[in-house]
Amino acid sequence: MDRITTKEMLKLMDKKDANGNPVPFSFSYFTWNANSKTGGARRHYDDAELASSGKTSKSVAVSGLRRNNHRENQTRNIFIGNEKHPRTFNIRTIFRFNGKKVVY
């Protein structure tokens, strides 16, 4: 079985193509709501890309240049498919990335 570390996963999420656009990826994660302590459902997305503050990123046009504490909160904003606004995901809930099992 192929495996990938969290550090490698985050590097691949940050990857950009020759034009400076985010490279799409697929991932699976477990739902989790810290307030109500509920979750556990599995979700999978095939066409996702990291929301970044780069010039060509659609996140700048949509959400401005607001800075989040992603490193401290262990989260990332990710666009799913053709959605206009990114969703925030906790990186610890991701268990598959590009078909590989994520190990911590």
PDB file of N, CA and C in Angstrom:
ATOM      1  N   MET A   1       0.834  -1.175   0.000  1.00  0.00           N
ATOM      2  CA  MET A   1       0.000   0.000   0.000  1.00  0.00           C
ATOM      3  C   MET A   1       0.883   1.244   0.000  1.00  0.00           C
ATOM      4  N   ASP A   2       0.552   2.201  -0.852  1.00  0.00           N
ATOM      5  CA  ASP A   2       1.305   3.450  -0.917  1.00  0.00           C
ATOM      6  C   ASP A   2       0.944   4.344   0.253  1.00  0.00           C
ATOM      7  N   ARG A   3       1.955   4.995   0.811  1.00  0.00           N
ATOM      8  CA  ARG A   3       1.765   5.892   1.939  1.00  0.00           C
ATOM      9  C   ARG A   3       2.436   7.219   1.666  1.00  0.00           C
ATOM     10  N   ILE A   4       1.955   8.238   2.341  1.00  0.00           N
ATOM     11  CA  ILE A   4       2.524   9.572   2.222  1.00  0.00           C
ATOM     12  C   ILE A   4       2.480  10.208   3.611  1.00  0.00           C
ATOM     13  N   THR A   5       3.522  10.950   3.962  1.00  0.00           N
ATOM     14  CA  THR A   5       3.531  11.624   5.264  1.00  0.00           C
ATOM     15  C   THR A   5       2.751  12.938   5.162  1.00  0.00           C
ATOM     16  N   THR A   6       2.381  13.469   6.299  1.00  0.00           N
ATOM     17  CA  THR A   6       1.662  14.742   6.320  1.00  0.00           C
ATOM     18  C   THR A   6       2.516  15.845   5.711  1.00  0.00           C
ATOM     19  N   LYS A   7       3.795  15.829   6.003  1.00  0.00           N
ATOM     20  CA  LYS A   7       4.710  16.842   5.464  1.00  0.00           C
ATOM     21  C   LYS A   7       4.748  16.786   3.933  1.00  0.00           C
ATOM     22  N   GLU A   8       4.823  15.580   3.372  1.00  0.00           N
ATOM     23  CA  GLU A   8       4.820  15.428   1.913  1.00  0.00           C
ATOM     24  C   GLU A   8       3.485  15.863   1.331  1.00  0.00           C
ATOM     25  N   MET A   9       2.386  15.535   2.018  1.00  0.00           N
ATOM     26  CA  MET A   9       1.054  15.924   1.557  1.00  0.00           C
ATOM     27  C   MET A   9       0.942  17.448   1.471  1.00  0.00           C
ATOM     28  N   LEU A  10       1.417  18.144   2.498  1.00  0.00           N
ATOM     29  CA  LEU A  10       1.329  19.600   2.501  1.00  0.00           C
ATOM     30  C   LEU A  10       2.188  20.225   1.401  1.00  0.00           C
ATOM     31  N   LYS A  11       3.339  19.631   1.110  1.00  0.00           N
ATOM     32  CA  LYS A  11       4.177  20.120   0.005  1.00  0.00           C
ATOM     33  C   LYS A  11       3.447  19.963  -1.331  1.00  0.00           C
ATOM     34  N   LEU A  12       2.783  18.815  -1.525  1.00  0.00           N
ATOM     35  CA  LEU A  12       2.042  18.590  -2.764  1.00  0.00           C
ATOM     36  C   LEU A  12       0.825  19.512  -2.869  1.00  0.00           C
ATOM     37  N   MET A  13       0.197  19.815  -1.750  1.00  0.00           N
ATOM     38  CA  MET A  13      -0.932  20.760  -1.752  1.00  0.00           C
ATOM     39  C   MET A  13      -0.469  22.146  -2.188  1.00  0.00           C
ATOM     40  N   ASP A  14       0.718  22.549  -1.743  1.00  0.00           N
ATOM     41  CA  ASP A  14       1.262  23.877  -2.045  1.00  0.00           C
ATOM     42  C   ASP A  14       1.818  23.991  -3.464  1.00  0.00           C
ATOM     43  N   LYS A  15       1.954  22.881  -4.160  1.00  0.00           N
ATOM     44  CA  LYS A  15       2.587  22.856  -5.477  1.00  0.00           C
ATOM     45  C   LYS A  15       1.803  23.691  -6.494  1.00  0.00           C
ATOM     46  N   LYS A  16       2.556  24.380  -7.360  1.00  0.00           N
ATOM     47  CA  LYS A  16       1.959  25.201  -8.418  1.00  0.00           C
ATOM     48  C   LYS A  16       2.480  24.739  -9.776  1.00  0.00           C
ATOM     49  N   ASP A  17       1.676  24.957 -10.827  1.00  0.00           N
ATOM     50  CA  ASP A  17       2.100  24.583 -12.173  1.00  0.00           C
ATOM     51  C   ASP A  17       2.980  25.682 -12.766  1.00  0.00           C
ATOM     52  N   ALA A  18       3.338  25.563 -14.039  1.00  0.00           N
ATOM     53  CA  ALA A  18       4.238  26.513 -14.685  1.00  0.00           C
ATOM     54  C   ALA A  18       3.661  27.922 -14.740  1.00  0.00           C
ATOM     55  N   ASN A  19       2.316  28.055 -14.738  1.00  0.00           N
ATOM     56  CA  ASN A  19       1.670  29.363 -14.792  1.00  0.00           C
ATOM     57  C   ASN A  19       1.414  29.956 -13.412  1.00  0.00           C
ATOM     58  N   GLY A  20       1.800  29.246 -12.365  1.00  0.00           N
ATOM     59  CA  GLY A  20       1.599  29.733 -11.004  1.00  0.00           C
ATOM     60  C   GLY A  20       0.251  29.388 -10.413  1.00  0.00           C
ATOM     61  N   ASN A  21      -0.519  28.520 -11.084  1.00  0.00           N
ATOM     62  CA  ASN A  21      -1.823  28.099 -10.575  1.00  0.00           C
ATOM     63  C   ASN A  21      -1.659  26.867  -9.693  1.00  0.00           C
ATOM     64  N   PRO A  22      -2.515  26.722  -8.671  1.00  0.00           N
ATOM     65  CA  PRO A  22      -2.438  25.537  -7.809  1.00  0.00           C
ATOM     66  C   PRO A  22      -2.701  24.252  -8.590  1.00  0.00           C
ATOM     67  N   VAL A  23      -1.963  23.202  -8.265  1.00  0.00           N
ATOM     68  CA  VAL A  23      -2.140  21.902  -8.914  1.00  0.00           C
ATOM     69  C   VAL A  23      -3.296  21.170  -8.223  1.00  0.00           C
ATOM     70  N   PRO A  24      -4.282  20.678  -8.993  1.00  0.00           N
ATOM     71  CA  PRO A  24      -5.420  19.964  -8.387  1.00  0.00           C
ATOM     72  C   PRO A  24      -4.981  18.640  -7.747  1.00  0.00           C
ATOM     73  N   PHE A  25      -5.751  18.222  -6.744  1.00  0.00           N
ATOM     74  CA  PHE A  25      -5.479  16.960  -6.051  1.00  0.00           C
ATOM     75  C   PHE A  25      -6.795  16.357  -5.584  1.00  0.00           C
ATOM     76  N   SER A  26      -6.718  15.117  -5.125  1.00  0.00           N
ATOM     77  CA  SER A  26      -7.891  14.460  -4.545  1.00  0.00           C
ATOM     78  C   SER A  26      -7.561  14.102  -3.098  1.00  0.00           C
ATOM     79  N   PHE A  27      -8.610  14.077  -2.263  1.00  0.00           N
ATOM     80  CA  PHE A  27      -8.392  13.695  -0.870  1.00  0.00           C
ATOM     81  C   PHE A  27      -9.676  13.172  -0.246  1.00  0.00           C
ATOM     82  N   SER A  28      -9.492  12.388   0.802  1.00  0.00           N
ATOM     83  CA  SER A  28     -10.599  11.867   1.610  1.00  0.00           C
ATOM     84  C   SER A  28     -10.347  12.273   3.045  1.00  0.00           C
ATOM     85  N   TYR A  29     -11.431  12.561   3.761  1.00  0.00           N
ATOM     86  CA  TYR A  29     -11.274  12.982   5.151  1.00  0.00           C
ATOM     87  C   TYR A  29     -12.471  12.516   5.976  1.00  0.00           C
ATOM     88  N   PHE A  30     -12.316  12.576   7.288  1.00  0.00           N
ATOM     89  CA  PHE A  30     -13.403  12.287   8.212  1.00  0.00           C
ATOM     90  C   PHE A  30     -14.004  13.617   8.663  1.00  0.00           C
ATOM     91  N   THR A  31     -15.344  13.686   8.674  1.00  0.00           N
ATOM     92  CA  THR A  31     -15.984  14.893   9.170  1.00  0.00           C
ATOM     93  C   THR A  31     -15.769  14.994  10.677  1.00  0.00           C
ATOM     94  N   TRP A  32     -15.731  16.233  11.186  1.00  0.00           N
ATOM     95  CA  TRP A  32     -15.554  16.429  12.620  1.00  0.00           C
ATOM     96  C   TRP A  32     -16.024  17.825  12.995  1.00  0.00           C
ATOM     97  N   ASN A  33     -16.854  17.921  14.001  1.00  0.00           N
ATOM     98  CA  ASN A  33     -17.308  19.197  14.537  1.00  0.00           C
ATOM     99  C   ASN A  33     -16.829  19.269  15.979  1.00  0.00           C
ATOM    100  N   ALA A  34     -15.866  20.119  16.245  1.00  0.00           N
ATOM    101  CA  ALA A  34     -15.270  20.206  17.579  1.00  0.00           C
ATOM    102  C   ALA A  34     -16.241  20.768  18.611  1.00  0.00           C
ATOM    103  N   ASN A  35     -17.183  21.604  18.172  1.00  0.00           N
ATOM    104  CA  ASN A  35     -18.129  22.194  19.121  1.00  0.00           C
ATOM    105  C   ASN A  35     -19.124  21.166  19.645  1.00  0.00           C
ATOM    106  N   SER A  36     -19.692  20.373  18.726  1.00  0.00           N
ATOM    107  CA  SER A  36     -20.707  19.405  19.158  1.00  0.00           C
ATOM    108  C   SER A  36     -20.128  18.010  19.375  1.00  0.00           C
ATOM    109  N   LYS A  37     -18.825  17.858  19.094  1.00  0.00           N
ATOM    110  CA  LYS A  37     -18.148  16.563  19.246  1.00  0.00           C
ATOM    111  C   LYS A  37     -18.823  15.462  18.424  1.00  0.00           C
ATOM    112  N   THR A  38     -19.217  15.818  17.197  1.00  0.00           N
ATOM    113  CA  THR A  38     -19.848  14.857  16.303  1.00  0.00           C
ATOM    114  C   THR A  38     -19.028  14.730  15.029  1.00  0.00           C
ATOM    115  N   GLY A  39     -19.276  13.675  14.283  1.00  0.00           N
ATOM    116  CA  GLY A  39     -18.591  13.474  13.011  1.00  0.00           C
ATOM    117  C   GLY A  39     -18.293  12.012  12.797  1.00  0.00           C
ATOM    118  N   GLY A  40     -17.346  11.749  11.939  1.00  0.00           N
ATOM    119  CA  GLY A  40     -16.939  10.385  11.667  1.00  0.00           C
ATOM    120  C   GLY A  40     -17.348   9.886  10.298  1.00  0.00           C
ATOM    121  N   ALA A  41     -18.120  10.687   9.561  1.00  0.00           N
ATOM    122  CA  ALA A  41     -18.499  10.285   8.203  1.00  0.00           C
ATOM    123  C   ALA A  41     -17.306  10.499   7.274  1.00  0.00           C
ATOM    124  N   ARG A  42     -17.169   9.618   6.302  1.00  0.00           N
ATOM    125  CA  ARG A  42     -16.082   9.741   5.322  1.00  0.00           C
ATOM    126  C   ARG A  42     -16.575  10.533   4.115  1.00  0.00           C
ATOM    127  N   ARG A  43     -15.734  11.442   3.638  1.00  0.00           N
ATOM    128  CA  ARG A  43     -16.045  12.229   2.448  1.00  0.00           C
ATOM    129  C   ARG A  43     -14.838  12.159   1.507  1.00  0.00           C
ATOM    130  N   HIS A  44     -15.096  12.221   0.204  1.00  0.00           N
ATOM    131  CA  HIS A  44     -14.019  12.170  -0.788  1.00  0.00           C
ATOM    132  C   HIS A  44     -14.267  13.242  -1.834  1.00  0.00           C
ATOM    133  N   TYR A  45     -13.208  13.945  -2.234  1.00  0.00           N
ATOM    134  CA  TYR A  45     -13.280  14.961  -3.280  1.00  0.00           C
ATOM    135  C   TYR A  45     -12.165  14.702  -4.286  1.00  0.00           C
ATOM    136  N   ASP A  46     -12.537  14.693  -5.566  1.00  0.00           N
ATOM    137  CA  ASP A  46     -11.558  14.442  -6.625  1.00  0.00           C
ATOM    138  C   ASP A  46     -10.913  15.711  -7.170  1.00  0.00           C
ATOM    139  N   ASP A  47     -11.683  16.781  -7.302  1.00  0.00           N
ATOM    140  CA  ASP A  47     -11.182  17.986  -7.940  1.00  0.00           C
ATOM    141  C   ASP A  47     -11.050  19.099  -6.906  1.00  0.00           C
ATOM    142  N   ALA A  48      -9.916  19.132  -6.222  1.00  0.00           N
ATOM    143  CA  ALA A  48      -9.686  20.123  -5.175  1.00  0.00           C
ATOM    144  C   ALA A  48      -8.388  20.866  -5.443  1.00  0.00           C
ATOM    145  N   GLU A  49      -8.316  22.088  -4.953  1.00  0.00           N
ATOM    146  CA  GLU A  49      -7.067  22.842  -5.034  1.00  0.00           C
ATOM    147  C   GLU A  49      -6.952  23.760  -3.824  1.00  0.00           C
ATOM    148  N   LEU A  50      -5.726  23.970  -3.396  1.00  0.00           N
ATOM    149  CA  LEU A  50      -5.456  24.786  -2.229  1.00  0.00           C
ATOM    150  C   LEU A  50      -5.743  26.247  -2.543  1.00  0.00           C
ATOM    151  N   ALA A  51      -6.416  26.932  -1.636  1.00  0.00           N
ATOM    152  CA  ALA A  51      -6.648  28.372  -1.771  1.00  0.00           C
ATOM    153  C   ALA A  51      -5.397  29.081  -1.280  1.00  0.00           C
ATOM    154  N   SER A  52      -4.813  29.909  -2.140  1.00  0.00           N
ATOM    155  CA  SER A  52      -3.585  30.604  -1.764  1.00  0.00           C
ATOM    156  C   SER A  52      -3.733  32.079  -2.077  1.00  0.00           C
ATOM    157  N   SER A  53      -2.776  32.858  -1.648  1.00  0.00           N
ATOM    158  CA  SER A  53      -2.840  34.299  -1.869  1.00  0.00           C
ATOM    159  C   SER A  53      -2.051  34.723  -3.109  1.00  0.00           C
ATOM    160  N   GLY A  54      -1.776  33.773  -4.008  1.00  0.00           N
ATOM    161  CA  GLY A  54      -1.044  34.086  -5.229  1.00  0.00           C
ATOM    162  C   GLY A  54      -1.846  34.974  -6.165  1.00  0.00           C
ATOM    163  N   LYS A  55      -1.183  35.641  -7.102  1.00  0.00           N
ATOM    164  CA  LYS A  55      -1.861  36.569  -8.005  1.00  0.00           C
ATOM    165  C   LYS A  55      -2.935  35.893  -8.846  1.00  0.00           C
ATOM    166  N   THR A  56      -2.715  34.652  -9.235  1.00  0.00           N
ATOM    167  CA  THR A  56      -3.651  33.992 -10.135  1.00  0.00           C
ATOM    168  C   THR A  56      -4.695  33.163  -9.402  1.00  0.00           C
ATOM    169  N   SER A  57      -4.642  33.143  -8.088  1.00  0.00           N
ATOM    170  CA  SER A  57      -5.572  32.324  -7.318  1.00  0.00           C
ATOM    171  C   SER A  57      -6.948  32.961  -7.255  1.00  0.00           C
ATOM    172  N   LYS A  58      -7.993  32.140  -7.372  1.00  0.00           N
ATOM    173  CA  LYS A  58      -9.349  32.666  -7.283  1.00  0.00           C
ATOM    174  C   LYS A  58      -9.712  33.057  -5.861  1.00  0.00           C
ATOM    175  N   SER A  59      -8.926  32.628  -4.865  1.00  0.00           N
ATOM    176  CA  SER A  59      -9.258  32.965  -3.477  1.00  0.00           C
ATOM    177  C   SER A  59      -9.062  34.449  -3.199  1.00  0.00           C
ATOM    178  N   VAL A  60      -8.118  35.109  -3.864  1.00  0.00           N
ATOM    179  CA  VAL A  60      -7.890  36.527  -3.635  1.00  0.00           C
ATOM    180  C   VAL A  60      -9.086  37.323  -4.108  1.00  0.00           C
ATOM    181  N   ALA A  61      -9.615  36.974  -5.270  1.00  0.00           N
ATOM    182  CA  ALA A  61     -10.754  37.691  -5.812  1.00  0.00           C
ATOM    183  C   ALA A  61     -11.993  37.483  -4.958  1.00  0.00           C
ATOM    184  N   VAL A  62     -12.118  36.317  -4.359  1.00  0.00           N
ATOM    185  CA  VAL A  62     -13.315  35.983  -3.597  1.00  0.00           C
ATOM    186  C   VAL A  62     -13.236  36.474  -2.162  1.00  0.00           C
ATOM    187  N   SER A  63     -12.149  36.184  -1.494  1.00  0.00           N
ATOM    188  CA  SER A  63     -12.102  36.433  -0.056  1.00  0.00           C
ATOM    189  C   SER A  63     -11.132  37.530   0.370  1.00  0.00           C
ATOM    190  N   GLY A  64     -10.479  38.192  -0.546  1.00  0.00           N
ATOM    191  CA  GLY A  64      -9.526  39.215  -0.168  1.00  0.00           C
ATOM    192  C   GLY A  64      -8.221  38.613   0.317  1.00  0.00           C
ATOM    193  N   LEU A  65      -7.452  39.385   1.045  1.00  0.00           N
ATOM    194  CA  LEU A  65      -6.141  38.930   1.500  1.00  0.00           C
ATOM    195  C   LEU A  65      -6.125  38.639   2.995  1.00  0.00           C
ATOM    196  N   ARG A  66      -7.238  38.234   3.553  1.00  0.00           N
ATOM    197  CA  ARG A  66      -7.318  37.938   4.976  1.00  0.00           C
ATOM    198  C   ARG A  66      -6.375  36.783   5.324  1.00  0.00           C
ATOM    199  N   ARG A  67      -5.602  36.965   6.376  1.00  0.00           N
ATOM    200  CA  ARG A  67      -4.652  35.937   6.816  1.00  0.00           C
ATOM    201  C   ARG A  67      -5.273  35.087   7.923  1.00  0.00           C
ATOM    202  N   ASN A  68      -5.101  33.799   7.845  1.00  0.00           N
ATOM    203  CA  ASN A  68      -5.570  32.874   8.869  1.00  0.00           C
ATOM    204  C   ASN A  68      -4.373  32.233   9.549  1.00  0.00           C
ATOM    205  N   ASN A  69      -4.598  31.683  10.714  1.00  0.00           N
ATOM    206  CA  ASN A  69      -3.538  30.990  11.449  1.00  0.00           C
ATOM    207  C   ASN A  69      -3.586  29.511  11.107  1.00  0.00           C
ATOM    208  N   HIS A  70      -3.386  29.171   9.847  1.00  0.00           N
ATOM    209  CA  HIS A  70      -3.494  27.780   9.421  1.00  0.00           C
ATOM    210  C   HIS A  70      -2.454  26.894  10.086  1.00  0.00           C
ATOM    211  N   ARG A  71      -1.264  27.376  10.239  1.00  0.00           N
ATOM    212  CA  ARG A  71      -0.207  26.563  10.854  1.00  0.00           C
ATOM    213  C   ARG A  71      -0.564  26.249  12.302  1.00  0.00           C
ATOM    214  N   GLU A  72      -1.005  27.260  13.035  1.00  0.00           N
ATOM    215  CA  GLU A  72      -1.359  27.069  14.446  1.00  0.00           C
ATOM    216  C   GLU A  72      -2.594  26.164  14.593  1.00  0.00           C
ATOM    217  N   ASN A  73      -3.582  26.336  13.728  1.00  0.00           N
ATOM    218  CA  ASN A  73      -4.829  25.567  13.820  1.00  0.00           C
ATOM    219  C   ASN A  73      -4.787  24.247  13.052  1.00  0.00           C
ATOM    220  N   GLN A  74      -3.711  23.996  12.322  1.00  0.00           N
ATOM    221  CA  GLN A  74      -3.559  22.797  11.493  1.00  0.00           C
ATOM    222  C   GLN A  74      -4.706  22.677  10.491  1.00  0.00           C
ATOM    223  N   THR A  75      -5.024  23.790   9.827  1.00  0.00           N
ATOM    224  CA  THR A  75      -6.098  23.814   8.839  1.00  0.00           C
ATOM    225  C   THR A  75      -5.573  24.343   7.512  1.00  0.00           C
ATOM    226  N   ARG A  76      -6.355  24.098   6.457  1.00  0.00           N
ATOM    227  CA  ARG A  76      -6.079  24.647   5.127  1.00  0.00           C
ATOM    228  C   ARG A  76      -7.410  25.005   4.482  1.00  0.00           C
ATOM    229  N   ASN A  77      -7.421  26.094   3.697  1.00  0.00           N
ATOM    230  CA  ASN A  77      -8.594  26.439   2.910  1.00  0.00           C
ATOM    231  C   ASN A  77      -8.451  25.777   1.545  1.00  0.00           C
ATOM    232  N   ILE A  78      -9.482  25.027   1.149  1.00  0.00           N
ATOM    233  CA  ILE A  78      -9.424  24.246  -0.086  1.00  0.00           C
ATOM    234  C   ILE A  78     -10.675  24.501  -0.911  1.00  0.00           C
ATOM    235  N   PHE A  79     -10.474  24.796  -2.204  1.00  0.00           N
ATOM    236  CA  PHE A  79     -11.586  24.892  -3.142  1.00  0.00           C
ATOM    237  C   PHE A  79     -11.966  23.491  -3.596  1.00  0.00           C
ATOM    238  N   ILE A  80     -13.250  23.200  -3.613  1.00  0.00           N
ATOM    239  CA  ILE A  80     -13.763  21.913  -4.065  1.00  0.00           C
ATOM    240  C   ILE A  80     -14.492  22.138  -5.384  1.00  0.00           C
ATOM    241  N   GLY A  81     -14.006  21.498  -6.454  1.00  0.00           N
ATOM    242  CA  GLY A  81     -14.655  21.631  -7.762  1.00  0.00           C
ATOM    243  C   GLY A  81     -14.732  23.080  -8.204  1.00  0.00           C
ATOM    244  N   ASN A  82     -15.940  23.515  -8.591  1.00  0.00           N
ATOM    245  CA  ASN A  82     -16.132  24.884  -9.083  1.00  0.00           C
ATOM    246  C   ASN A  82     -16.767  25.801  -8.047  1.00  0.00           C
ATOM    247  N   GLU A  83     -16.668  25.462  -6.768  1.00  0.00           N
ATOM    248  CA  GLU A  83     -17.235  26.301  -5.735  1.00  0.00           C
ATOM    249  C   GLU A  83     -16.534  27.658  -5.716  1.00  0.00           C
ATOM    250  N   LYS A  84     -17.295  28.700  -5.388  1.00  0.00           N
ATOM    251  CA  LYS A  84     -16.740  30.048  -5.375  1.00  0.00           C
ATOM    252  C   LYS A  84     -15.989  30.374  -4.088  1.00  0.00           C
ATOM    253  N   HIS A  85     -16.335  29.701  -3.000  1.00  0.00           N
ATOM    254  CA  HIS A  85     -15.687  29.981  -1.719  1.00  0.00           C
ATOM    255  C   HIS A  85     -14.985  28.725  -1.210  1.00  0.00           C
ATOM    256  N   PRO A  86     -13.797  28.900  -0.638  1.00  0.00           N
ATOM    257  CA  PRO A  86     -13.073  27.727  -0.120  1.00  0.00           C
ATOM    258  C   PRO A  86     -13.683  27.215   1.177  1.00  0.00           C
ATOM    259  N   ARG A  87     -13.446  25.957   1.472  1.00  0.00           N
ATOM    260  CA  ARG A  87     -13.843  25.346   2.736  1.00  0.00           C
ATOM    261  C   ARG A  87     -12.577  25.154   3.569  1.00  0.00           C
ATOM    262  N   THR A  88     -12.732  25.204   4.863  1.00  0.00           N
ATOM    263  CA  THR A  88     -11.599  25.008   5.772  1.00  0.00           C
ATOM    264  C   THR A  88     -11.599  23.563   6.256  1.00  0.00           C
ATOM    265  N   PHE A  89     -10.454  22.899   6.114  1.00  0.00           N
ATOM    266  CA  PHE A  89     -10.291  21.506   6.527  1.00  0.00           C
ATOM    267  C   PHE A  89      -9.150  21.398   7.524  1.00  0.00           C
ATOM    268  N   ASN A  90      -9.332  20.586   8.542  1.00  0.00           N
ATOM    269  CA  ASN A  90      -8.270  20.272   9.481  1.00  0.00           C
ATOM    270  C   ASN A  90      -7.414  19.181   8.834  1.00  0.00           C
ATOM    271  N   ILE A  91      -6.108  19.406   8.744  1.00  0.00           N
ATOM    272  CA  ILE A  91      -5.247  18.453   8.036  1.00  0.00           C
ATOM    273  C   ILE A  91      -5.165  17.109   8.738  1.00  0.00           C
ATOM    274  N   ARG A  92      -5.452  17.070  10.048  1.00  0.00           N
ATOM    275  CA  ARG A  92      -5.404  15.812  10.797  1.00  0.00           C
ATOM    276  C   ARG A  92      -6.582  14.893  10.484  1.00  0.00           C
ATOM    277  N   THR A  93      -7.619  15.418   9.828  1.00  0.00           N
ATOM    278  CA  THR A  93      -8.775  14.580   9.478  1.00  0.00           C
ATOM    279  C   THR A  93      -8.627  13.958   8.094  1.00  0.00           C
ATOM    280  N   ILE A  94      -7.592  14.358   7.341  1.00  0.00           N
ATOM    281  CA  ILE A  94      -7.359  13.801   6.002  1.00  0.00           C
ATOM    282  C   ILE A  94      -6.665  12.453   6.152  1.00  0.00           C
ATOM    283  N   PHE A  95      -7.271  11.403   5.567  1.00  0.00           N
ATOM    284  CA  PHE A  95      -6.677  10.074   5.694  1.00  0.00           C
ATOM    285  C   PHE A  95      -6.210   9.510   4.356  1.00  0.00           C
ATOM    286  N   ARG A  96      -6.588  10.107   3.236  1.00  0.00           N
ATOM    287  CA  ARG A  96      -6.092   9.714   1.913  1.00  0.00           C
ATOM    288  C   ARG A  96      -5.823  10.971   1.102  1.00  0.00           C
ATOM    289  N   PHE A  97      -4.695  10.958   0.371  1.00  0.00           N
ATOM    290  CA  PHE A  97      -4.333  12.084  -0.484  1.00  0.00           C
ATOM    291  C   PHE A  97      -3.799  11.534  -1.797  1.00  0.00           C
ATOM    292  N   ASN A  98      -4.438  11.881  -2.892  1.00  0.00           N
ATOM    293  CA  ASN A  98      -4.070  11.370  -4.230  1.00  0.00           C
ATOM    294  C   ASN A  98      -3.946   9.855  -4.237  1.00  0.00           C
ATOM    295  N   GLY A  99      -4.870   9.191  -3.554  1.00  0.00           N
ATOM    296  CA  GLY A  99      -4.917   7.724  -3.536  1.00  0.00           C
ATOM    297  C   GLY A  99      -3.962   7.056  -2.569  1.00  0.00           C
ATOM    298  N   LYS A 100      -3.181   7.854  -1.834  1.00  0.00           N
ATOM    299  CA  LYS A 100      -2.213   7.290  -0.886  1.00  0.00           C
ATOM    300  C   LYS A 100      -2.708   7.492   0.541  1.00  0.00           C
ATOM    301  N   LYS A 101      -2.407   6.545   1.405  1.00  0.00           N
ATOM    302  CA  LYS A 101      -2.770   6.647   2.817  1.00  0.00           C
ATOM    303  C   LYS A 101      -1.856   7.653   3.494  1.00  0.00           C
ATOM    304  N   VAL A 102      -2.450   8.573   4.260  1.00  0.00           N
ATOM    305  CA  VAL A 102      -1.682   9.602   4.970  1.00  0.00           C
ATOM    306  C   VAL A 102      -1.274   9.054   6.331  1.00  0.00           C
ATOM    307  N   VAL A 103       0.026   9.121   6.625  1.00  0.00           N
ATOM    308  CA  VAL A 103       0.544   8.714   7.929  1.00  0.00           C
ATOM    309  C   VAL A 103       1.130   9.940   8.613  1.00  0.00           C
ATOM    310  N   TYR A 104       0.977   9.990   9.922  1.00  0.00           N
ATOM    311  CA  TYR A 104       1.413  11.166  10.688  1.00  0.00           C
ATOM    312  C   TYR A 104       2.669  10.931  11.453  1.00  0.00           C
TER     313      TYR A 104
END
